[in-house]
Amino acid sequence: MGLMPENEPSSPPESELSGLITSIKAQTKDPSRVSVFVDGAFAIGIHRDVISDSGLREGDFVGAPDLRSLREAENLHQARRAAVHLLSYRPRTTAEIQNRLVRKGYAKGVAGRVVADLEEGGLLDDDAFAREFTVQRAQSRRVGQYRIRRDLVKRGIDIETADRVVTVCSQGTDWRSAAMDLAVRKWETIPVTLPLPKKRKRLFDYLARRGFDFEIIRTVVNEVAV
């Protein structure tokens, strides 16, 4: 199921409609959509591109299968527009788009077709997303490689791709230096009244949450927490 545009009448059951298309009119509130009338009665409201792609014209005969096809094409059209709208805000993974469409009320099959279409058109590319995401996070020096990998997997990137991309795209990143910078700033915020073991643990846990390697954390804590 998709979402019916607001202020648009419900279409009659397909089994009750068959006959000649007597009119195709642009809708007043949204000229990009048209109302299709069969034998003078409202049959369906769809995007003008959908009716254009169908090849149907005024005077053509339509039956239940034709109207079913129009509804399916309209649903797919709406889902694709919703996906492109989501991508206009920021790049997303195929899993993110698929899940968002399903949450919006579209069937999994429809969401899958949209994702496949966007992948074919180059608008969705999990490898490219993972590379850009990794480079940006590595350059920020605010998280470690394990955090980047975990965040990629949370966004739907498979673990093998995440491992490969993080390994390749973060080459040259000085993770120890990044962890040291964060540790020095964090150390200054820890209350001086805390016993040293607790201060060290707080610093260790902070760097662990940031996703740095255990050996890097241990080395940095031993240097800073003295």
C-alpha atoms as a PDB file:
ATOM      1  CA  MET A   1       0.000   0.000   0.000  1.00  0.00           C
ATOM      2  CA  GLY A   2       1.094   3.534  -0.707  1.00  0.00           C
ATOM      3  CA  LEU A   3      -0.213   6.795   0.629  1.00  0.00           C
ATOM      4  CA  MET A   4      -3.189   8.417  -1.090  1.00  0.00           C
ATOM      5  CA  PRO A   5      -2.706  12.138  -1.714  1.00  0.00           C
ATOM      6  CA  GLU A   6      -4.789  14.355   0.528  1.00  0.00           C
ATOM      7  CA  ASN A   7      -8.159  15.678  -0.689  1.00  0.00           C
ATOM      8  CA  GLU A   8      -8.415  13.042  -3.412  1.00  0.00           C
ATOM      9  CA  PRO A   9     -11.583  10.905  -3.567  1.00  0.00           C
ATOM     10  CA  SER A  10     -11.338   7.168  -3.091  1.00  0.00           C
ATOM     11  CA  SER A  11     -11.409   5.070  -6.226  1.00  0.00           C
ATOM     12  CA  PRO A  12     -14.335   2.671  -6.644  1.00  0.00           C
ATOM     13  CA  PRO A  13     -13.597  -1.084  -6.532  1.00  0.00           C
ATOM     14  CA  GLU A  14     -11.955  -2.278  -9.748  1.00  0.00           C
ATOM     15  CA  SER A  15     -14.707  -4.840 -10.331  1.00  0.00           C
ATOM     16  CA  GLU A  16     -17.278  -2.045 -10.560  1.00  0.00           C
ATOM     17  CA  LEU A  17     -15.431  -0.113 -13.246  1.00  0.00           C
ATOM     18  CA  SER A  18     -15.035  -0.863 -16.895  1.00  0.00           C
ATOM     19  CA  GLY A  19     -15.835   1.230 -19.904  1.00  0.00           C
ATOM     20  CA  LEU A  20     -14.526   4.136 -21.904  1.00  0.00           C
ATOM     21  CA  ILE A  21     -12.190   6.792 -20.528  1.00  0.00           C
ATOM     22  CA  THR A  22     -14.399   9.825 -20.946  1.00  0.00           C
ATOM     23  CA  SER A  23     -12.055  12.394 -19.394  1.00  0.00           C
ATOM     24  CA  ILE A  24      -8.538  12.873 -18.044  1.00  0.00           C
ATOM     25  CA  LYS A  25      -8.390  16.137 -16.102  1.00  0.00           C
ATOM     26  CA  ALA A  26      -5.561  17.863 -14.274  1.00  0.00           C
ATOM     27  CA  GLN A  27      -6.353  18.202 -10.589  1.00  0.00           C
ATOM     28  CA  THR A  28      -6.829  21.713  -9.246  1.00  0.00           C
ATOM     29  CA  LYS A  29      -4.794  21.293  -6.050  1.00  0.00           C
ATOM     30  CA  ASP A  30      -1.935  19.442  -7.765  1.00  0.00           C
ATOM     31  CA  PRO A  31      -1.615  19.923 -11.542  1.00  0.00           C
ATOM     32  CA  SER A  32       1.020  17.177 -11.672  1.00  0.00           C
ATOM     33  CA  ARG A  33      -1.795  14.695 -10.955  1.00  0.00           C
ATOM     34  CA  VAL A  34      -4.816  13.856 -13.110  1.00  0.00           C
ATOM     35  CA  SER A  35      -8.251  12.424 -12.413  1.00  0.00           C
ATOM     36  CA  VAL A  36      -9.337   9.683 -14.774  1.00  0.00           C
ATOM     37  CA  PHE A  37     -13.084   9.306 -15.422  1.00  0.00           C
ATOM     38  CA  VAL A  38     -14.627   6.130 -16.849  1.00  0.00           C
ATOM     39  CA  ASP A  39     -18.092   6.491 -18.349  1.00  0.00           C
ATOM     40  CA  GLY A  40     -18.326   9.853 -16.625  1.00  0.00           C
ATOM     41  CA  ALA A  41     -17.474   8.535 -13.130  1.00  0.00           C
ATOM     42  CA  PHE A  42     -14.252   9.173 -11.239  1.00  0.00           C
ATOM     43  CA  ALA A  43     -12.078   6.063 -11.510  1.00  0.00           C
ATOM     44  CA  ILE A  44      -8.593   6.913 -10.244  1.00  0.00           C
ATOM     45  CA  GLY A  45      -6.239   9.776  -9.429  1.00  0.00           C
ATOM     46  CA  ILE A  46      -2.664   9.326 -10.607  1.00  0.00           C
ATOM     47  CA  HIS A  47       0.438  11.264 -11.564  1.00  0.00           C
ATOM     48  CA  ARG A  48       0.363  12.554 -15.126  1.00  0.00           C
ATOM     49  CA  ASP A  49       3.583  10.653 -15.894  1.00  0.00           C
ATOM     50  CA  VAL A  50       1.872   7.378 -14.957  1.00  0.00           C
ATOM     51  CA  ILE A  51      -1.038   7.900 -17.340  1.00  0.00           C
ATOM     52  CA  SER A  52       1.403   9.056 -20.016  1.00  0.00           C
ATOM     53  CA  ASP A  53       3.572   5.961 -19.613  1.00  0.00           C
ATOM     54  CA  SER A  54       0.486   3.724 -19.763  1.00  0.00           C
ATOM     55  CA  GLY A  55      -0.392   4.983 -23.241  1.00  0.00           C
ATOM     56  CA  LEU A  56      -4.078   5.275 -22.313  1.00  0.00           C
ATOM     57  CA  ARG A  57      -6.044   8.150 -23.826  1.00  0.00           C
ATOM     58  CA  GLU A  58      -9.551   9.520 -23.691  1.00  0.00           C
ATOM     59  CA  GLY A  59     -11.838   7.205 -25.616  1.00  0.00           C
ATOM     60  CA  ASP A  60      -9.862   4.044 -24.754  1.00  0.00           C
ATOM     61  CA  PHE A  61     -11.665   1.130 -23.135  1.00  0.00           C
ATOM     62  CA  VAL A  62     -10.389   0.077 -19.709  1.00  0.00           C
ATOM     63  CA  GLY A  63     -11.311  -2.829 -17.512  1.00  0.00           C
ATOM     64  CA  ALA A  64     -10.284  -4.181 -14.108  1.00  0.00           C
ATOM     65  CA  PRO A  65      -6.807  -5.347 -15.248  1.00  0.00           C
ATOM     66  CA  ASP A  66      -6.044  -1.899 -16.721  1.00  0.00           C
ATOM     67  CA  LEU A  67      -7.068  -0.105 -13.543  1.00  0.00           C
ATOM     68  CA  ARG A  68      -5.103  -2.558 -11.429  1.00  0.00           C
ATOM     69  CA  SER A  69      -2.010  -1.883 -13.521  1.00  0.00           C
ATOM     70  CA  LEU A  70      -2.521   1.872 -13.163  1.00  0.00           C
ATOM     71  CA  ARG A  71      -2.799   1.587  -9.385  1.00  0.00           C
ATOM     72  CA  GLU A  72       0.341  -0.521  -9.184  1.00  0.00           C
ATOM     73  CA  ALA A  73       2.235   1.911 -11.422  1.00  0.00           C
ATOM     74  CA  GLU A  74       1.026   4.856  -9.346  1.00  0.00           C
ATOM     75  CA  ASN A  75       2.061   3.158  -6.121  1.00  0.00           C
ATOM     76  CA  LEU A  76       5.519   2.483  -7.541  1.00  0.00           C
ATOM     77  CA  HIS A  77       5.763   6.068  -8.792  1.00  0.00           C
ATOM     78  CA  GLN A  78       4.884   7.466  -5.360  1.00  0.00           C
ATOM     79  CA  ALA A  79       7.384   5.163  -3.660  1.00  0.00           C
ATOM     80  CA  ARG A  80      10.148   6.228  -6.011  1.00  0.00           C
ATOM     81  CA  ARG A  81       9.397   9.908  -5.406  1.00  0.00           C
ATOM     82  CA  ALA A  82       9.490   9.287  -1.661  1.00  0.00           C
ATOM     83  CA  ALA A  83      12.882   7.589  -2.008  1.00  0.00           C
ATOM     84  CA  VAL A  84      14.356  10.377  -4.134  1.00  0.00           C
ATOM     85  CA  HIS A  85      13.057  12.899  -1.594  1.00  0.00           C
ATOM     86  CA  LEU A  86      14.893  11.044   1.178  1.00  0.00           C
ATOM     87  CA  LEU A  87      18.085  11.038  -0.885  1.00  0.00           C
ATOM     88  CA  SER A  88      17.796  14.790  -1.429  1.00  0.00           C
ATOM     89  CA  TYR A  89      18.646  15.310   2.255  1.00  0.00           C
ATOM     90  CA  ARG A  90      21.718  13.068   2.401  1.00  0.00           C
ATOM     91  CA  PRO A  91      23.172   9.905   0.855  1.00  0.00           C
ATOM     92  CA  ARG A  92      21.651   6.696   2.223  1.00  0.00           C
ATOM     93  CA  THR A  93      22.208   2.966   1.955  1.00  0.00           C
ATOM     94  CA  THR A  94      19.907   0.589   0.127  1.00  0.00           C
ATOM     95  CA  ALA A  95      18.800  -0.835   3.481  1.00  0.00           C
ATOM     96  CA  GLU A  96      17.936   2.631   4.813  1.00  0.00           C
ATOM     97  CA  ILE A  97      15.781   3.427   1.776  1.00  0.00           C
ATOM     98  CA  GLN A  98      14.113   0.009   1.829  1.00  0.00           C
ATOM     99  CA  ASN A  99      13.288   0.278   5.538  1.00  0.00           C
ATOM    100  CA  ARG A 100      12.035   3.849   5.307  1.00  0.00           C
ATOM    101  CA  LEU A 101       9.691   3.015   2.439  1.00  0.00           C
ATOM    102  CA  VAL A 102       8.276   0.038   4.320  1.00  0.00           C
ATOM    103  CA  ARG A 103       7.719   2.233   7.375  1.00  0.00           C
ATOM    104  CA  LYS A 104       5.881   4.698   5.139  1.00  0.00           C
ATOM    105  CA  GLY A 105       3.427   1.940   4.240  1.00  0.00           C
ATOM    106  CA  TYR A 106       4.790   0.576   0.978  1.00  0.00           C
ATOM    107  CA  ALA A 107       4.942  -3.182   0.456  1.00  0.00           C
ATOM    108  CA  LYS A 108       8.376  -4.815   0.672  1.00  0.00           C
ATOM    109  CA  GLY A 109       8.120  -5.830  -2.964  1.00  0.00           C
ATOM    110  CA  VAL A 110       7.462  -2.249  -4.040  1.00  0.00           C
ATOM    111  CA  ALA A 111      10.329  -0.975  -1.874  1.00  0.00           C
ATOM    112  CA  GLY A 112      12.615  -3.602  -3.375  1.00  0.00           C
ATOM    113  CA  ARG A 113      11.703  -2.604  -6.931  1.00  0.00           C
ATOM    114  CA  VAL A 114      12.385   1.049  -6.140  1.00  0.00           C
ATOM    115  CA  VAL A 115      15.752   0.230  -4.581  1.00  0.00           C
ATOM    116  CA  ALA A 116      16.726  -1.870  -7.603  1.00  0.00           C
ATOM    117  CA  ASP A 117      15.685   0.949  -9.945  1.00  0.00           C
ATOM    118  CA  LEU A 118      17.693   3.534  -8.015  1.00  0.00           C
ATOM    119  CA  GLU A 119      20.733   1.256  -7.928  1.00  0.00           C
ATOM    120  CA  GLU A 120      20.526   0.775 -11.679  1.00  0.00           C
ATOM    121  CA  GLY A 121      20.270   4.525 -12.147  1.00  0.00           C
ATOM    122  CA  GLY A 122      23.293   5.162  -9.917  1.00  0.00           C
ATOM    123  CA  LEU A 123      21.336   7.001  -7.214  1.00  0.00           C
ATOM    124  CA  LEU A 124      21.994   4.238  -4.685  1.00  0.00           C
ATOM    125  CA  ASP A 125      25.460   2.744  -4.280  1.00  0.00           C
ATOM    126  CA  ASP A 126      26.370   1.078  -0.998  1.00  0.00           C
ATOM    127  CA  ASP A 127      30.070   0.886  -1.866  1.00  0.00           C
ATOM    128  CA  ALA A 128      30.241   4.602  -2.674  1.00  0.00           C
ATOM    129  CA  PHE A 129      28.276   5.420   0.477  1.00  0.00           C
ATOM    130  CA  ALA A 130      30.621   3.356   2.626  1.00  0.00           C
ATOM    131  CA  ARG A 131      33.717   4.971   1.112  1.00  0.00           C
ATOM    132  CA  GLU A 132      32.452   8.526   1.581  1.00  0.00           C
ATOM    133  CA  PHE A 133      31.207   7.787   5.088  1.00  0.00           C
ATOM    134  CA  THR A 134      34.544   6.265   6.102  1.00  0.00           C
ATOM    135  CA  VAL A 135      36.666   9.063   4.663  1.00  0.00           C
ATOM    136  CA  GLN A 136      34.574  11.748   6.356  1.00  0.00           C
ATOM    137  CA  ARG A 137      34.674   9.992   9.740  1.00  0.00           C
ATOM    138  CA  ALA A 138      38.379   9.252   9.508  1.00  0.00           C
ATOM    139  CA  GLN A 139      39.178  12.859   8.627  1.00  0.00           C
ATOM    140  CA  SER A 140      37.077  14.130  11.534  1.00  0.00           C
ATOM    141  CA  ARG A 141      39.445  12.299  13.939  1.00  0.00           C
ATOM    142  CA  ARG A 142      36.596  12.019  16.426  1.00  0.00           C
ATOM    143  CA  VAL A 143      36.003   8.262  16.173  1.00  0.00           C
ATOM    144  CA  GLY A 144      38.102   5.162  15.633  1.00  0.00           C
ATOM    145  CA  GLN A 145      37.995   2.500  12.961  1.00  0.00           C
ATOM    146  CA  TYR A 146      35.824   0.113  14.984  1.00  0.00           C
ATOM    147  CA  ARG A 147      33.191   2.800  15.522  1.00  0.00           C
ATOM    148  CA  ILE A 148      33.149   3.596  11.800  1.00  0.00           C
ATOM    149  CA  ARG A 149      32.739  -0.082  10.951  1.00  0.00           C
ATOM    150  CA  ARG A 150      29.935  -0.480  13.504  1.00  0.00           C
ATOM    151  CA  ASP A 151      28.118   2.599  12.213  1.00  0.00           C
ATOM    152  CA  LEU A 152      28.304   1.315   8.636  1.00  0.00           C
ATOM    153  CA  VAL A 153      26.794  -2.018   9.653  1.00  0.00           C
ATOM    154  CA  LYS A 154      24.017  -0.223  11.552  1.00  0.00           C
ATOM    155  CA  ARG A 155      23.157   1.568   8.304  1.00  0.00           C
ATOM    156  CA  GLY A 156      22.818  -1.711   6.460  1.00  0.00           C
ATOM    157  CA  ILE A 157      26.287  -2.175   4.963  1.00  0.00           C
ATOM    158  CA  ASP A 158      27.298  -5.845   5.167  1.00  0.00           C
ATOM    159  CA  ILE A 159      30.180  -6.611   7.493  1.00  0.00           C
ATOM    160  CA  GLU A 160      32.519  -7.790   4.695  1.00  0.00           C
ATOM    161  CA  THR A 161      32.084  -4.530   2.780  1.00  0.00           C
ATOM    162  CA  ALA A 162      32.454  -2.485   5.964  1.00  0.00           C
ATOM    163  CA  ASP A 163      35.705  -4.264   6.871  1.00  0.00           C
ATOM    164  CA  ARG A 164      37.144  -3.847   3.390  1.00  0.00           C
ATOM    165  CA  VAL A 165      36.191  -0.196   2.983  1.00  0.00           C
ATOM    166  CA  VAL A 166      37.371   0.879   6.431  1.00  0.00           C
ATOM    167  CA  THR A 167      40.700  -0.900   5.897  1.00  0.00           C
ATOM    168  CA  VAL A 168      41.272   0.690   2.485  1.00  0.00           C
ATOM    169  CA  CYS A 169      39.829   4.173   2.979  1.00  0.00           C
ATOM    170  CA  SER A 170      41.411   4.850   6.347  1.00  0.00           C
ATOM    171  CA  GLN A 171      44.940   3.993   5.268  1.00  0.00           C
ATOM    172  CA  GLY A 172      47.252   6.739   6.385  1.00  0.00           C
ATOM    173  CA  THR A 173      45.001   7.785   9.266  1.00  0.00           C
ATOM    174  CA  ASP A 174      47.000   8.196  12.454  1.00  0.00           C
ATOM    175  CA  TRP A 175      44.507   6.576  14.839  1.00  0.00           C
ATOM    176  CA  ARG A 176      46.864   6.872  17.800  1.00  0.00           C
ATOM    177  CA  SER A 177      47.211  10.609  17.282  1.00  0.00           C
ATOM    178  CA  ALA A 178      43.429  10.985  16.928  1.00  0.00           C
ATOM    179  CA  ALA A 179      42.848   9.031  20.140  1.00  0.00           C
ATOM    180  CA  MET A 180      45.500  11.071  21.927  1.00  0.00           C
ATOM    181  CA  ASP A 181      43.865  14.382  20.934  1.00  0.00           C
ATOM    182  CA  LEU A 182      40.499  13.215  22.246  1.00  0.00           C
ATOM    183  CA  ALA A 183      42.012  11.743  25.390  1.00  0.00           C
ATOM    184  CA  VAL A 184      43.818  14.959  26.322  1.00  0.00           C
ATOM    185  CA  ARG A 185      40.623  16.986  25.972  1.00  0.00           C
ATOM    186  CA  LYS A 186      38.565  14.406  27.856  1.00  0.00           C
ATOM    187  CA  TRP A 187      41.127  14.143  30.657  1.00  0.00           C
ATOM    188  CA  GLU A 188      40.748  17.834  31.375  1.00  0.00           C
ATOM    189  CA  THR A 189      37.010  17.388  32.018  1.00  0.00           C
ATOM    190  CA  ILE A 190      37.328  14.514  34.497  1.00  0.00           C
ATOM    191  CA  PRO A 191      37.029  15.728  38.114  1.00  0.00           C
ATOM    192  CA  VAL A 192      40.440  15.925  39.741  1.00  0.00           C
ATOM    193  CA  THR A 193      38.944  14.609  42.986  1.00  0.00           C
ATOM    194  CA  LEU A 194      38.307  11.180  41.490  1.00  0.00           C
ATOM    195  CA  PRO A 195      40.789   8.453  42.434  1.00  0.00           C
ATOM    196  CA  LEU A 196      43.267   7.782  39.663  1.00  0.00           C
ATOM    197  CA  PRO A 197      41.965   4.257  38.873  1.00  0.00           C
ATOM    198  CA  LYS A 198      38.457   5.646  38.316  1.00  0.00           C
ATOM    199  CA  LYS A 199      39.800   8.475  36.188  1.00  0.00           C
ATOM    200  CA  ARG A 200      41.726   5.993  34.070  1.00  0.00           C
ATOM    201  CA  LYS A 201      38.651   3.790  33.663  1.00  0.00           C
ATOM    202  CA  ARG A 202      36.513   6.751  32.651  1.00  0.00           C
ATOM    203  CA  LEU A 203      39.058   7.725  30.016  1.00  0.00           C
ATOM    204  CA  PHE A 204      39.404   4.139  28.800  1.00  0.00           C
ATOM    205  CA  ASP A 205      35.624   3.718  28.476  1.00  0.00           C
ATOM    206  CA  TYR A 206      35.326   7.018  26.613  1.00  0.00           C
ATOM    207  CA  LEU A 207      37.878   5.984  23.981  1.00  0.00           C
ATOM    208  CA  ALA A 208      36.303   2.529  23.728  1.00  0.00           C
ATOM    209  CA  ARG A 209      32.918   4.089  22.975  1.00  0.00           C
ATOM    210  CA  ARG A 210      34.648   6.156  20.317  1.00  0.00           C
ATOM    211  CA  GLY A 211      35.697   2.908  18.690  1.00  0.00           C
ATOM    212  CA  PHE A 212      39.473   2.901  18.939  1.00  0.00           C
ATOM    213  CA  ASP A 213      41.633  -0.206  18.970  1.00  0.00           C
ATOM    214  CA  PHE A 214      42.294  -1.727  22.407  1.00  0.00           C
ATOM    215  CA  GLU A 215      46.063  -1.439  22.145  1.00  0.00           C
ATOM    216  CA  ILE A 216      45.826   2.200  21.082  1.00  0.00           C
ATOM    217  CA  ILE A 217      43.521   2.933  24.013  1.00  0.00           C
ATOM    218  CA  ARG A 218      45.818   1.205  26.476  1.00  0.00           C
ATOM    219  CA  THR A 219      48.862   3.097  25.217  1.00  0.00           C
ATOM    220  CA  VAL A 220      47.103   6.480  25.226  1.00  0.00           C
ATOM    221  CA  VAL A 221      45.613   5.997  28.700  1.00  0.00           C
ATOM    222  CA  ASN A 222      49.012   5.049  30.089  1.00  0.00           C
ATOM    223  CA  GLU A 223      50.477   8.238  28.656  1.00  0.00           C
ATOM    224  CA  VAL A 224      47.695  10.651  29.585  1.00  0.00           C
ATOM    225  CA  ALA A 225      46.261   9.299  32.829  1.00  0.00           C
ATOM    226  CA  VAL A 226      49.209   9.819  35.141  1.00  0.00           C
END
